[in-house]
Amino acid sequence: SPLDESFDDLKREIATMRTLAGVTGVVALRNVYCVREKYLWLVMERADCGSLLEYMRGSRRALDERCVRSVLAQTSTALAYMHSAPVALIHRDIKSANLLFGSDGCVRLADFGEVAWVDATGCASGMRGTPYFMAPECAMGDNYGTSVDVWSLGITAIELAELRPPHHDVHPMRVMYLLSDMIDGECDPPRL
């Protein structure tokens, strides 16, 4: 049933967050509570400034180059750990909405609902994530490795610098076709 599937997804997300406990640049899972045997509450570390997307929307300003560099450096630290873990993890949904930050200036990667645990071949597959931030090979459902997170982080850099990701004005399904065209060499990749 769909409820069982969503519960399984949530259990995988909790397992991922527990695996990443204590990793610099990853939001910490503090506790999990079952309320009235109906709801599951995840208590996470406080990020008092919210997501970078919320910040940019509220201020109506893109981040300056120094801030973008800092966000990329901090997020890269978390991704380096994830990608080199004994069982490598691919986030598959990196975007400003999933980057939380606090008044201390620390950026933390969040939302591990789309994470793939890499198989013995070093690959994962499946079309998961947000189309505007998805790497072409991920959009095609082909086998892919950790490099899809590098693509998504690059698209996030564009979003942070320009307030919106490339092709933000195009329907998400059309974006999937554009990504396919990039693989075929019929379309250039986005640039900052």
C-alpha atoms as a PDB file:
ATOM      1  CA  SER A   1       0.000   0.000   0.000  1.00  0.00           C
ATOM      2  CA  PRO A   2       1.144   3.620  -0.492  1.00  0.00           C
ATOM      3  CA  LEU A   3       1.224   4.152   3.287  1.00  0.00           C
ATOM      4  CA  ASP A   4       3.570   1.174   3.744  1.00  0.00           C
ATOM      5  CA  GLU A   5       5.804   2.468   0.934  1.00  0.00           C
ATOM      6  CA  SER A   6       6.016   5.959   2.448  1.00  0.00           C
ATOM      7  CA  PHE A   7       6.783   4.444   5.865  1.00  0.00           C
ATOM      8  CA  ASP A   8       9.564   2.357   4.281  1.00  0.00           C
ATOM      9  CA  ASP A   9      10.931   5.517   2.639  1.00  0.00           C
ATOM     10  CA  LEU A  10      10.887   7.293   5.996  1.00  0.00           C
ATOM     11  CA  LYS A  11      12.668   4.379   7.687  1.00  0.00           C
ATOM     12  CA  ARG A  12      15.373   4.558   4.983  1.00  0.00           C
ATOM     13  CA  GLU A  13      15.718   8.305   5.533  1.00  0.00           C
ATOM     14  CA  ILE A  14      16.089   7.803   9.295  1.00  0.00           C
ATOM     15  CA  ALA A  15      18.670   5.048   8.724  1.00  0.00           C
ATOM     16  CA  THR A  16      20.608   7.376   6.403  1.00  0.00           C
ATOM     17  CA  MET A  17      20.565  10.219   8.927  1.00  0.00           C
ATOM     18  CA  ARG A  18      21.758   7.867  11.684  1.00  0.00           C
ATOM     19  CA  THR A  19      24.567   6.680   9.381  1.00  0.00           C
ATOM     20  CA  LEU A  20      25.600  10.311   8.899  1.00  0.00           C
ATOM     21  CA  ALA A  21      25.440  11.220  12.617  1.00  0.00           C
ATOM     22  CA  GLY A  22      28.243  13.600  13.522  1.00  0.00           C
ATOM     23  CA  VAL A  23      29.275  14.340   9.933  1.00  0.00           C
ATOM     24  CA  THR A  24      30.260  17.984   9.427  1.00  0.00           C
ATOM     25  CA  GLY A  25      27.804  19.765   7.157  1.00  0.00           C
ATOM     26  CA  VAL A  26      24.905  17.338   7.694  1.00  0.00           C
ATOM     27  CA  VAL A  27      21.875  18.282   9.782  1.00  0.00           C
ATOM     28  CA  ALA A  28      21.805  16.097  12.899  1.00  0.00           C
ATOM     29  CA  LEU A  29      18.893  13.823  13.753  1.00  0.00           C
ATOM     30  CA  ARG A  30      18.345  14.244  17.501  1.00  0.00           C
ATOM     31  CA  ASN A  31      15.483  11.815  18.095  1.00  0.00           C
ATOM     32  CA  VAL A  32      12.489  10.052  16.559  1.00  0.00           C
ATOM     33  CA  TYR A  33       9.107   9.870  18.284  1.00  0.00           C
ATOM     34  CA  CYS A  34       6.029   7.852  17.453  1.00  0.00           C
ATOM     35  CA  VAL A  35       2.988   9.905  18.479  1.00  0.00           C
ATOM     36  CA  ARG A  36      -0.316   8.124  19.113  1.00  0.00           C
ATOM     37  CA  GLU A  37       0.948   5.235  16.944  1.00  0.00           C
ATOM     38  CA  LYS A  38      -0.072   7.384  13.996  1.00  0.00           C
ATOM     39  CA  TYR A  39       2.622  10.015  13.460  1.00  0.00           C
ATOM     40  CA  LEU A  40       6.385   9.842  13.300  1.00  0.00           C
ATOM     41  CA  TRP A  41       8.187  12.973  14.404  1.00  0.00           C
ATOM     42  CA  LEU A  42      11.830  13.535  13.519  1.00  0.00           C
ATOM     43  CA  VAL A  43      13.565  15.996  15.831  1.00  0.00           C
ATOM     44  CA  MET A  44      16.552  17.557  14.112  1.00  0.00           C
ATOM     45  CA  GLU A  45      19.236  20.041  14.983  1.00  0.00           C
ATOM     46  CA  ARG A  46      18.047  23.632  14.939  1.00  0.00           C
ATOM     47  CA  ALA A  47      18.968  25.729  11.915  1.00  0.00           C
ATOM     48  CA  ASP A  48      17.654  29.065  13.116  1.00  0.00           C
ATOM     49  CA  CYS A  49      17.917  30.827   9.749  1.00  0.00           C
ATOM     50  CA  GLY A  50      16.006  28.141   7.834  1.00  0.00           C
ATOM     51  CA  SER A  51      16.851  27.098   4.297  1.00  0.00           C
ATOM     52  CA  LEU A  52      18.891  29.143   1.864  1.00  0.00           C
ATOM     53  CA  LEU A  53      15.835  29.231  -0.425  1.00  0.00           C
ATOM     54  CA  GLU A  54      13.728  30.808   2.348  1.00  0.00           C
ATOM     55  CA  TYR A  55      16.474  33.341   3.020  1.00  0.00           C
ATOM     56  CA  MET A  56      16.797  34.345  -0.641  1.00  0.00           C
ATOM     57  CA  ARG A  57      13.024  34.605  -1.107  1.00  0.00           C
ATOM     58  CA  GLY A  58      12.681  36.693   2.042  1.00  0.00           C
ATOM     59  CA  SER A  59      15.517  39.050   1.177  1.00  0.00           C
ATOM     60  CA  ARG A  60      14.812  38.990  -2.587  1.00  0.00           C
ATOM     61  CA  ARG A  61      18.556  38.902  -3.081  1.00  0.00           C
ATOM     62  CA  ALA A  62      20.975  36.370  -4.471  1.00  0.00           C
ATOM     63  CA  LEU A  63      24.052  35.491  -2.480  1.00  0.00           C
ATOM     64  CA  ASP A  64      27.303  37.277  -3.252  1.00  0.00           C
ATOM     65  CA  GLU A  65      30.272  35.329  -4.587  1.00  0.00           C
ATOM     66  CA  ARG A  66      31.932  35.004  -1.161  1.00  0.00           C
ATOM     67  CA  CYS A  67      28.782  33.475   0.346  1.00  0.00           C
ATOM     68  CA  VAL A  68      28.286  31.122  -2.618  1.00  0.00           C
ATOM     69  CA  ARG A  69      31.896  29.911  -2.204  1.00  0.00           C
ATOM     70  CA  SER A  70      31.306  29.281   1.498  1.00  0.00           C
ATOM     71  CA  VAL A  71      28.076  27.336   0.853  1.00  0.00           C
ATOM     72  CA  LEU A  72      29.789  25.233  -1.822  1.00  0.00           C
ATOM     73  CA  ALA A  73      32.807  24.504   0.391  1.00  0.00           C
ATOM     74  CA  GLN A  74      30.670  23.447   3.358  1.00  0.00           C
ATOM     75  CA  THR A  75      28.319  21.332   1.241  1.00  0.00           C
ATOM     76  CA  SER A  76      31.277  19.734  -0.548  1.00  0.00           C
ATOM     77  CA  THR A  77      32.662  18.606   2.834  1.00  0.00           C
ATOM     78  CA  ALA A  78      29.423  16.747   3.604  1.00  0.00           C
ATOM     79  CA  LEU A  79      29.268  15.266   0.105  1.00  0.00           C
ATOM     80  CA  ALA A  80      32.908  14.139   0.248  1.00  0.00           C
ATOM     81  CA  TYR A  81      32.105  12.114   3.348  1.00  0.00           C
ATOM     82  CA  MET A  82      28.914  10.686   1.840  1.00  0.00           C
ATOM     83  CA  HIS A  83      30.623   9.740  -1.411  1.00  0.00           C
ATOM     84  CA  SER A  84      33.632   8.094   0.281  1.00  0.00           C
ATOM     85  CA  ALA A  85      31.747   6.241   3.032  1.00  0.00           C
ATOM     86  CA  PRO A  86      32.181   2.444   3.113  1.00  0.00           C
ATOM     87  CA  VAL A  87      28.820   2.247   1.341  1.00  0.00           C
ATOM     88  CA  ALA A  88      28.742   5.434  -0.725  1.00  0.00           C
ATOM     89  CA  LEU A  89      25.616   7.566  -0.566  1.00  0.00           C
ATOM     90  CA  ILE A  90      24.225   9.784  -3.323  1.00  0.00           C
ATOM     91  CA  HIS A  91      21.954  12.584  -2.057  1.00  0.00           C
ATOM     92  CA  ARG A  92      20.123  13.098  -5.391  1.00  0.00           C
ATOM     93  CA  ASP A  93      18.228  16.237  -4.310  1.00  0.00           C
ATOM     94  CA  ILE A  94      20.750  18.988  -3.625  1.00  0.00           C
ATOM     95  CA  LYS A  95      19.187  22.441  -3.919  1.00  0.00           C
ATOM     96  CA  SER A  96      18.928  25.575  -1.791  1.00  0.00           C
ATOM     97  CA  ALA A  97      15.699  24.327  -0.187  1.00  0.00           C
ATOM     98  CA  ASN A  98      17.696  21.405   1.263  1.00  0.00           C
ATOM     99  CA  LEU A  99      20.580  23.516   2.555  1.00  0.00           C
ATOM    100  CA  LEU A 100      19.860  24.809   6.056  1.00  0.00           C
ATOM    101  CA  PHE A 101      21.934  27.399   7.836  1.00  0.00           C
ATOM    102  CA  GLY A 102      22.250  28.916  11.243  1.00  0.00           C
ATOM    103  CA  SER A 103      23.238  32.300  12.587  1.00  0.00           C
ATOM    104  CA  ASP A 104      26.684  30.774  13.151  1.00  0.00           C
ATOM    105  CA  GLY A 105      27.106  30.708   9.354  1.00  0.00           C
ATOM    106  CA  CYS A 106      27.250  26.909   9.169  1.00  0.00           C
ATOM    107  CA  VAL A 107      25.433  25.289   6.258  1.00  0.00           C
ATOM    108  CA  ARG A 108      23.966  21.827   6.719  1.00  0.00           C
ATOM    109  CA  LEU A 109      22.696  19.412   4.097  1.00  0.00           C
ATOM    110  CA  ALA A 110      19.180  18.123   4.857  1.00  0.00           C
ATOM    111  CA  ASP A 111      16.354  16.026   3.382  1.00  0.00           C
ATOM    112  CA  PHE A 112      17.698  12.551   2.800  1.00  0.00           C
ATOM    113  CA  GLY A 113      14.483  11.127   1.359  1.00  0.00           C
ATOM    114  CA  GLU A 114      15.948  10.636  -2.128  1.00  0.00           C
ATOM    115  CA  VAL A 115      19.298   9.156  -1.054  1.00  0.00           C
ATOM    116  CA  ALA A 116      20.640   6.166  -2.953  1.00  0.00           C
ATOM    117  CA  TRP A 117      22.981   3.665  -1.340  1.00  0.00           C
ATOM    118  CA  VAL A 118      25.450   2.811  -4.094  1.00  0.00           C
ATOM    119  CA  ASP A 119      25.556  -0.857  -5.120  1.00  0.00           C
ATOM    120  CA  ALA A 120      28.629  -3.087  -5.541  1.00  0.00           C
ATOM    121  CA  THR A 121      29.221  -1.730  -9.065  1.00  0.00           C
ATOM    122  CA  GLY A 122      29.541   1.813  -7.685  1.00  0.00           C
ATOM    123  CA  CYS A 123      26.279   2.800  -9.352  1.00  0.00           C
ATOM    124  CA  ALA A 124      22.715   3.689  -8.539  1.00  0.00           C
ATOM    125  CA  SER A 125      19.784   4.145 -10.884  1.00  0.00           C
ATOM    126  CA  GLY A 126      16.331   5.661 -10.955  1.00  0.00           C
ATOM    127  CA  MET A 127      14.852   9.029 -11.729  1.00  0.00           C
ATOM    128  CA  ARG A 128      14.795  10.762  -8.341  1.00  0.00           C
ATOM    129  CA  GLY A 129      15.159  14.370  -7.290  1.00  0.00           C
ATOM    130  CA  THR A 130      13.971  17.734  -8.543  1.00  0.00           C
ATOM    131  CA  PRO A 131      14.128  18.095 -12.363  1.00  0.00           C
ATOM    132  CA  TYR A 132      15.706  21.574 -12.358  1.00  0.00           C
ATOM    133  CA  PHE A 133      18.661  20.240 -10.318  1.00  0.00           C
ATOM    134  CA  MET A 134      18.892  16.734 -11.776  1.00  0.00           C
ATOM    135  CA  ALA A 135      21.957  15.540 -13.680  1.00  0.00           C
ATOM    136  CA  PRO A 136      21.196  14.390 -17.236  1.00  0.00           C
ATOM    137  CA  GLU A 137      22.086  10.741 -16.556  1.00  0.00           C
ATOM    138  CA  CYS A 138      19.818  10.738 -13.502  1.00  0.00           C
ATOM    139  CA  ALA A 139      16.958  12.237 -15.534  1.00  0.00           C
ATOM    140  CA  MET A 140      17.358   9.464 -18.099  1.00  0.00           C
ATOM    141  CA  GLY A 141      17.179   6.775 -15.405  1.00  0.00           C
ATOM    142  CA  ASP A 142      20.578   5.409 -16.473  1.00  0.00           C
ATOM    143  CA  ASN A 143      23.115   4.001 -14.021  1.00  0.00           C
ATOM    144  CA  TYR A 144      25.079   6.804 -12.411  1.00  0.00           C
ATOM    145  CA  GLY A 145      27.552   7.498  -9.657  1.00  0.00           C
ATOM    146  CA  THR A 146      28.241  10.205  -7.121  1.00  0.00           C
ATOM    147  CA  SER A 147      28.971  12.752  -9.866  1.00  0.00           C
ATOM    148  CA  VAL A 148      25.224  13.462 -10.119  1.00  0.00           C
ATOM    149  CA  ASP A 149      25.534  15.281  -6.775  1.00  0.00           C
ATOM    150  CA  VAL A 150      28.371  17.395  -8.203  1.00  0.00           C
ATOM    151  CA  TRP A 151      26.084  18.427 -11.094  1.00  0.00           C
ATOM    152  CA  SER A 152      23.281  19.302  -8.660  1.00  0.00           C
ATOM    153  CA  LEU A 153      25.668  21.333  -6.511  1.00  0.00           C
ATOM    154  CA  GLY A 154      26.750  23.257  -9.632  1.00  0.00           C
ATOM    155  CA  ILE A 155      23.122  23.989 -10.513  1.00  0.00           C
ATOM    156  CA  THR A 156      22.600  25.070  -6.899  1.00  0.00           C
ATOM    157  CA  ALA A 157      25.529  27.490  -7.274  1.00  0.00           C
ATOM    158  CA  ILE A 158      23.729  29.049 -10.232  1.00  0.00           C
ATOM    159  CA  GLU A 159      20.510  29.240  -8.195  1.00  0.00           C
ATOM    160  CA  LEU A 160      22.326  30.925  -5.283  1.00  0.00           C
ATOM    161  CA  ALA A 161      23.996  33.469  -7.587  1.00  0.00           C
ATOM    162  CA  GLU A 162      20.944  34.205  -9.771  1.00  0.00           C
ATOM    163  CA  LEU A 163      17.997  33.485  -7.403  1.00  0.00           C
ATOM    164  CA  ARG A 164      16.648  30.738  -9.682  1.00  0.00           C
ATOM    165  CA  PRO A 165      17.959  27.560 -11.238  1.00  0.00           C
ATOM    166  CA  PRO A 166      18.442  27.324 -15.011  1.00  0.00           C
ATOM    167  CA  HIS A 167      15.212  26.707 -16.941  1.00  0.00           C
ATOM    168  CA  HIS A 168      13.096  27.794 -13.936  1.00  0.00           C
ATOM    169  CA  ASP A 169      10.506  29.184 -16.350  1.00  0.00           C
ATOM    170  CA  VAL A 170      10.112  25.838 -18.177  1.00  0.00           C
ATOM    171  CA  HIS A 171       7.704  23.070 -17.138  1.00  0.00           C
ATOM    172  CA  PRO A 172       9.561  20.308 -15.201  1.00  0.00           C
ATOM    173  CA  MET A 173       8.701  17.684 -17.835  1.00  0.00           C
ATOM    174  CA  ARG A 174      10.203  19.886 -20.555  1.00  0.00           C
ATOM    175  CA  VAL A 175      13.335  20.227 -18.415  1.00  0.00           C
ATOM    176  CA  MET A 176      13.653  16.430 -18.505  1.00  0.00           C
ATOM    177  CA  TYR A 177      13.697  16.584 -22.320  1.00  0.00           C
ATOM    178  CA  LEU A 178      16.309  19.347 -22.236  1.00  0.00           C
ATOM    179  CA  LEU A 179      18.496  17.157 -20.024  1.00  0.00           C
ATOM    180  CA  SER A 180      18.138  14.339 -22.540  1.00  0.00           C
ATOM    181  CA  ASP A 181      19.212  16.751 -25.285  1.00  0.00           C
ATOM    182  CA  MET A 182      22.353  17.580 -23.253  1.00  0.00           C
ATOM    183  CA  ILE A 183      23.361  13.907 -23.276  1.00  0.00           C
ATOM    184  CA  ASP A 184      22.851  13.810 -27.048  1.00  0.00           C
ATOM    185  CA  GLY A 185      24.912  17.001 -27.467  1.00  0.00           C
ATOM    186  CA  GLU A 186      21.931  18.884 -28.904  1.00  0.00           C
ATOM    187  CA  CYS A 187      21.809  21.354 -26.023  1.00  0.00           C
ATOM    188  CA  ASP A 188      24.555  23.066 -24.008  1.00  0.00           C
ATOM    189  CA  PRO A 189      24.718  22.595 -20.239  1.00  0.00           C
ATOM    190  CA  PRO A 190      23.823  25.591 -18.044  1.00  0.00           C
ATOM    191  CA  ARG A 191      26.540  28.096 -17.209  1.00  0.00           C
ATOM    192  CA  LEU A 192      26.955  30.768 -14.573  1.00  0.00           C
END
